[in-house]
Amino acid sequence: MPEVVGTVRHTWTDTNNTVTGAEAELAIPLTRQMHFGPKVRALGLIGSPSVQGLAGVGYDFANMQPLLGVGIQGPYVEGGANYLFDGKFHPYLGVNTFGNAP
């Protein structure tokens, strides 16, 4: 299901060129259904300026369930999966405006 995702992100790059940081996301589904069912996530990240791994927790309001999220972020692309406690992984793939981390 297509979503529009807003993200606030803060990263640090150390002298070894390791990037660490955190981000918060709000994902709003683009559906014709009349209910409002966003997902919110808080994620930590670690990696290099060009690729970071993501892991964190959140809540899916459409399914009324907490979730665990993992992913990988590259320049202008992100992919991963959310695990809801329905016993299934819900994969995602998207494009974004993040280039290399500073």
N, C-alpha and C. Protein backbone atom coordinates (compact mmCIF):
# COMPACT_ATOMS: atom_id res chain seq x y z
N MET A 1 0.85 -1.16 0.00
CA MET A 1 0.00 0.00 0.00
C MET A 1 0.90 1.24 0.00
N PRO A 2 0.70 2.17 -0.90
CA PRO A 2 1.52 3.37 -0.92
C PRO A 2 1.30 4.23 0.32
N GLU A 3 2.38 4.86 0.78
CA GLU A 3 2.33 5.74 1.95
C GLU A 3 3.18 6.98 1.68
N VAL A 4 2.85 8.06 2.34
CA VAL A 4 3.70 9.24 2.40
C VAL A 4 4.31 9.22 3.80
N VAL A 5 5.64 9.33 3.85
CA VAL A 5 6.36 9.22 5.12
C VAL A 5 7.09 10.52 5.40
N GLY A 6 6.87 11.07 6.58
CA GLY A 6 7.62 12.22 7.06
C GLY A 6 8.61 11.75 8.11
N THR A 7 9.85 12.19 8.00
CA THR A 7 10.91 11.72 8.90
C THR A 7 11.71 12.90 9.44
N VAL A 8 12.00 12.83 10.72
CA VAL A 8 12.96 13.74 11.35
C VAL A 8 14.14 12.89 11.74
N ARG A 9 15.34 13.33 11.36
CA ARG A 9 16.52 12.49 11.53
C ARG A 9 17.68 13.34 12.02
N HIS A 10 18.49 12.76 12.92
CA HIS A 10 19.71 13.42 13.38
C HIS A 10 20.83 12.39 13.40
N THR A 11 21.96 12.71 12.76
CA THR A 11 23.08 11.78 12.70
C THR A 11 24.37 12.45 13.13
N TRP A 12 25.33 11.63 13.55
CA TRP A 12 26.68 12.06 13.90
C TRP A 12 27.65 11.19 13.12
N THR A 13 28.72 11.78 12.63
CA THR A 13 29.78 11.02 11.96
C THR A 13 31.06 11.22 12.75
N ASP A 14 31.67 10.11 13.21
CA ASP A 14 32.89 10.23 14.01
C ASP A 14 34.13 10.25 13.11
N THR A 15 35.30 10.33 13.71
CA THR A 15 36.54 10.44 12.95
C THR A 15 36.86 9.17 12.16
N ASN A 16 36.25 8.04 12.51
CA ASN A 16 36.42 6.79 11.74
C ASN A 16 35.41 6.66 10.61
N ASN A 17 34.62 7.70 10.38
CA ASN A 17 33.60 7.74 9.34
C ASN A 17 32.42 6.81 9.63
N THR A 18 32.16 6.55 10.91
CA THR A 18 31.01 5.76 11.33
C THR A 18 29.86 6.71 11.64
N VAL A 19 28.72 6.44 11.06
CA VAL A 19 27.53 7.27 11.26
C VAL A 19 26.63 6.58 12.27
N THR A 20 26.20 7.33 13.28
CA THR A 20 25.20 6.85 14.24
C THR A 20 24.13 7.93 14.36
N GLY A 21 22.97 7.54 14.82
CA GLY A 21 21.93 8.54 14.98
C GLY A 21 20.58 7.93 15.27
N ALA A 22 19.55 8.74 15.10
CA ALA A 22 18.18 8.33 15.37
C ALA A 22 17.24 9.05 14.43
N GLU A 23 16.07 8.45 14.22
CA GLU A 23 15.04 9.10 13.42
C GLU A 23 13.67 8.72 13.94
N ALA A 24 12.72 9.61 13.68
CA ALA A 24 11.31 9.38 14.01
C ALA A 24 10.52 9.51 12.72
N GLU A 25 9.56 8.60 12.51
CA GLU A 25 8.79 8.59 11.27
C GLU A 25 7.29 8.57 11.54
N LEU A 26 6.57 9.20 10.63
CA LEU A 26 5.12 9.13 10.59
C LEU A 26 4.75 8.74 9.16
N ALA A 27 4.13 7.57 8.99
CA ALA A 27 3.74 7.07 7.66
C ALA A 27 2.22 7.12 7.54
N ILE A 28 1.73 7.85 6.55
CA ILE A 28 0.30 8.00 6.33
C ILE A 28 -0.08 7.26 5.05
N PRO A 29 -0.95 6.24 5.15
CA PRO A 29 -1.34 5.48 3.97
C PRO A 29 -2.15 6.32 2.99
N LEU A 30 -1.95 6.05 1.71
CA LEU A 30 -2.70 6.72 0.65
C LEU A 30 -3.74 5.75 0.12
N THR A 31 -4.88 5.67 0.80
CA THR A 31 -5.95 4.75 0.40
C THR A 31 -7.25 5.52 0.28
N ARG A 32 -8.23 4.87 -0.30
CA ARG A 32 -9.56 5.47 -0.43
C ARG A 32 -10.41 5.22 0.80
N GLN A 33 -9.91 4.38 1.71
CA GLN A 33 -10.67 4.10 2.92
C GLN A 33 -10.77 5.37 3.76
N MET A 34 -11.83 5.48 4.51
CA MET A 34 -12.09 6.69 5.25
C MET A 34 -11.43 6.75 6.62
N HIS A 35 -10.83 5.65 7.09
CA HIS A 35 -10.22 5.69 8.42
C HIS A 35 -8.78 6.21 8.33
N PHE A 36 -8.30 6.78 9.42
CA PHE A 36 -6.95 7.33 9.51
C PHE A 36 -6.10 6.29 10.24
N GLY A 37 -5.17 5.64 9.54
CA GLY A 37 -4.39 4.57 10.14
C GLY A 37 -2.91 4.71 9.92
N PRO A 38 -2.27 5.73 10.50
CA PRO A 38 -0.83 5.91 10.29
C PRO A 38 0.00 4.90 11.08
N LYS A 39 1.28 4.85 10.72
CA LYS A 39 2.28 4.12 11.49
C LYS A 39 3.26 5.17 12.03
N VAL A 40 3.71 4.97 13.25
CA VAL A 40 4.78 5.80 13.81
C VAL A 40 5.91 4.87 14.22
N ARG A 41 7.15 5.32 14.01
CA ARG A 41 8.32 4.51 14.38
C ARG A 41 9.41 5.41 14.94
N ALA A 42 10.17 4.88 15.89
CA ALA A 42 11.39 5.49 16.41
C ALA A 42 12.50 4.50 16.15
N LEU A 43 13.54 4.95 15.43
CA LEU A 43 14.60 4.05 14.98
C LEU A 43 15.98 4.58 15.33
N GLY A 44 16.87 3.68 15.68
CA GLY A 44 18.28 4.00 15.78
C GLY A 44 18.95 3.61 14.48
N LEU A 45 20.08 4.22 14.18
CA LEU A 45 20.78 3.86 12.95
C LEU A 45 22.29 3.85 13.17
N ILE A 46 22.97 3.02 12.38
CA ILE A 46 24.42 2.93 12.41
C ILE A 46 24.90 2.46 11.05
N GLY A 47 26.06 2.96 10.62
CA GLY A 47 26.62 2.55 9.34
C GLY A 47 27.68 3.50 8.85
N SER A 48 27.77 3.62 7.55
CA SER A 48 28.72 4.52 6.89
C SER A 48 27.94 5.71 6.34
N PRO A 49 28.64 6.73 5.81
CA PRO A 49 27.91 7.86 5.23
C PRO A 49 26.98 7.47 4.08
N SER A 50 27.26 6.37 3.39
CA SER A 50 26.41 6.00 2.25
C SER A 50 25.38 4.91 2.56
N VAL A 51 25.58 4.10 3.60
CA VAL A 51 24.63 3.03 3.93
C VAL A 51 24.51 2.91 5.44
N GLN A 52 23.27 2.92 5.94
CA GLN A 52 23.04 2.74 7.38
C GLN A 52 21.99 1.66 7.59
N GLY A 53 22.19 0.89 8.66
CA GLY A 53 21.17 -0.06 9.11
C GLY A 53 20.26 0.64 10.11
N LEU A 54 18.99 0.26 10.13
CA LEU A 54 17.98 0.87 10.99
C LEU A 54 17.29 -0.22 11.82
N ALA A 55 16.98 0.08 13.06
CA ALA A 55 16.19 -0.83 13.89
C ALA A 55 15.45 -0.02 14.94
N GLY A 56 14.22 -0.43 15.24
CA GLY A 56 13.46 0.30 16.25
C GLY A 56 12.09 -0.27 16.49
N VAL A 57 11.27 0.54 17.13
CA VAL A 57 9.91 0.15 17.53
C VAL A 57 8.92 1.19 17.05
N GLY A 58 7.65 0.80 17.05
CA GLY A 58 6.62 1.74 16.64
C GLY A 58 5.24 1.21 16.94
N TYR A 59 4.25 1.85 16.28
CA TYR A 59 2.86 1.45 16.47
C TYR A 59 2.12 1.64 15.15
N ASP A 60 1.33 0.64 14.77
CA ASP A 60 0.50 0.67 13.57
C ASP A 60 -0.94 0.92 14.01
N PHE A 61 -1.43 2.13 13.78
CA PHE A 61 -2.78 2.49 14.23
C PHE A 61 -3.87 1.80 13.42
N ALA A 62 -3.60 1.45 12.16
CA ALA A 62 -4.60 0.76 11.35
C ALA A 62 -4.88 -0.63 11.90
N ASN A 63 -3.83 -1.32 12.37
CA ASN A 63 -3.99 -2.66 12.92
C ASN A 63 -4.04 -2.68 14.44
N MET A 64 -3.87 -1.50 15.06
CA MET A 64 -3.89 -1.37 16.52
C MET A 64 -2.90 -2.33 17.18
N GLN A 65 -1.64 -2.32 16.68
CA GLN A 65 -0.62 -3.22 17.19
C GLN A 65 0.73 -2.52 17.25
N PRO A 66 1.55 -2.87 18.25
CA PRO A 66 2.93 -2.40 18.24
C PRO A 66 3.69 -3.12 17.12
N LEU A 67 4.82 -2.57 16.74
CA LEU A 67 5.63 -3.19 15.70
C LEU A 67 7.10 -3.07 16.01
N LEU A 68 7.86 -3.96 15.42
CA LEU A 68 9.33 -3.90 15.42
C LEU A 68 9.73 -3.64 13.98
N GLY A 69 10.67 -2.73 13.77
CA GLY A 69 11.08 -2.38 12.42
C GLY A 69 12.58 -2.54 12.22
N VAL A 70 12.97 -3.05 11.05
CA VAL A 70 14.37 -3.12 10.63
C VAL A 70 14.45 -2.67 9.19
N GLY A 71 15.60 -2.12 8.81
CA GLY A 71 15.74 -1.68 7.44
C GLY A 71 17.17 -1.30 7.12
N ILE A 72 17.34 -0.89 5.88
CA ILE A 72 18.62 -0.40 5.40
C ILE A 72 18.35 0.86 4.58
N GLN A 73 19.19 1.86 4.80
CA GLN A 73 19.04 3.17 4.15
C GLN A 73 20.26 3.42 3.28
N GLY A 74 20.04 3.68 2.00
CA GLY A 74 21.09 4.10 1.09
C GLY A 74 20.75 5.46 0.54
N PRO A 75 21.62 6.04 -0.27
CA PRO A 75 21.30 7.34 -0.84
C PRO A 75 20.00 7.28 -1.66
N TYR A 76 19.00 8.00 -1.20
CA TYR A 76 17.71 8.18 -1.87
C TYR A 76 16.84 6.92 -1.94
N VAL A 77 17.17 5.87 -1.20
CA VAL A 77 16.37 4.64 -1.19
C VAL A 77 16.42 4.00 0.19
N GLU A 78 15.33 3.33 0.56
CA GLU A 78 15.25 2.63 1.83
C GLU A 78 14.39 1.39 1.66
N GLY A 79 14.73 0.34 2.37
CA GLY A 79 13.92 -0.87 2.34
C GLY A 79 14.03 -1.59 3.67
N GLY A 80 13.07 -2.44 3.95
CA GLY A 80 13.11 -3.18 5.20
C GLY A 80 11.80 -3.88 5.44
N ALA A 81 11.52 -4.15 6.72
CA ALA A 81 10.28 -4.82 7.08
C ALA A 81 9.85 -4.40 8.47
N ASN A 82 8.56 -4.36 8.65
CA ASN A 82 7.96 -4.17 9.97
C ASN A 82 7.38 -5.51 10.39
N TYR A 83 7.61 -5.88 11.62
CA TYR A 83 7.01 -7.09 12.18
C TYR A 83 5.90 -6.68 13.12
N LEU A 84 4.67 -7.00 12.74
CA LEU A 84 3.54 -6.78 13.63
C LEU A 84 3.28 -8.09 14.36
N PHE A 85 2.63 -8.01 15.47
CA PHE A 85 2.43 -9.21 16.27
C PHE A 85 1.26 -10.05 15.78
N ASP A 86 1.01 -9.97 14.45
CA ASP A 86 0.09 -10.89 13.78
C ASP A 86 0.87 -12.09 13.26
N GLY A 87 2.19 -12.12 13.53
CA GLY A 87 3.04 -13.23 13.10
C GLY A 87 3.60 -13.08 11.71
N LYS A 88 3.48 -11.89 11.11
CA LYS A 88 3.94 -11.69 9.74
C LYS A 88 4.88 -10.50 9.65
N PHE A 89 5.80 -10.57 8.67
CA PHE A 89 6.64 -9.44 8.31
C PHE A 89 5.96 -8.67 7.19
N HIS A 90 5.98 -7.36 7.28
CA HIS A 90 5.37 -6.49 6.28
C HIS A 90 6.49 -5.69 5.63
N PRO A 91 6.99 -6.14 4.45
CA PRO A 91 8.13 -5.46 3.82
C PRO A 91 7.73 -4.11 3.24
N TYR A 92 8.74 -3.26 3.08
CA TYR A 92 8.53 -1.96 2.44
C TYR A 92 9.76 -1.59 1.63
N LEU A 93 9.56 -0.76 0.64
CA LEU A 93 10.62 -0.22 -0.20
C LEU A 93 10.20 1.19 -0.57
N GLY A 94 11.14 2.13 -0.53
CA GLY A 94 10.75 3.50 -0.84
C GLY A 94 11.91 4.35 -1.31
N VAL A 95 11.55 5.51 -1.82
CA VAL A 95 12.52 6.51 -2.21
C VAL A 95 12.40 7.68 -1.24
N ASN A 96 13.49 8.43 -1.08
CA ASN A 96 13.48 9.55 -0.14
C ASN A 96 14.44 10.64 -0.61
N THR A 97 14.59 11.66 0.19
CA THR A 97 15.46 12.79 -0.17
C THR A 97 16.79 12.76 0.57
N PHE A 98 17.10 11.66 1.31
CA PHE A 98 18.37 11.58 2.03
C PHE A 98 19.47 11.15 1.08
N GLY A 99 20.50 11.95 0.97
CA GLY A 99 21.70 11.54 0.24
C GLY A 99 22.65 10.87 1.22
N ASN A 100 23.95 11.05 1.02
CA ASN A 100 24.93 10.54 1.98
C ASN A 100 24.83 11.32 3.27
N ALA A 101 25.04 10.64 4.41
CA ALA A 101 25.05 11.33 5.71
C ALA A 101 26.26 12.24 5.78
N PRO A 102 26.14 13.37 6.47
CA PRO A 102 27.29 14.30 6.55
C PRO A 102 28.43 13.73 7.35
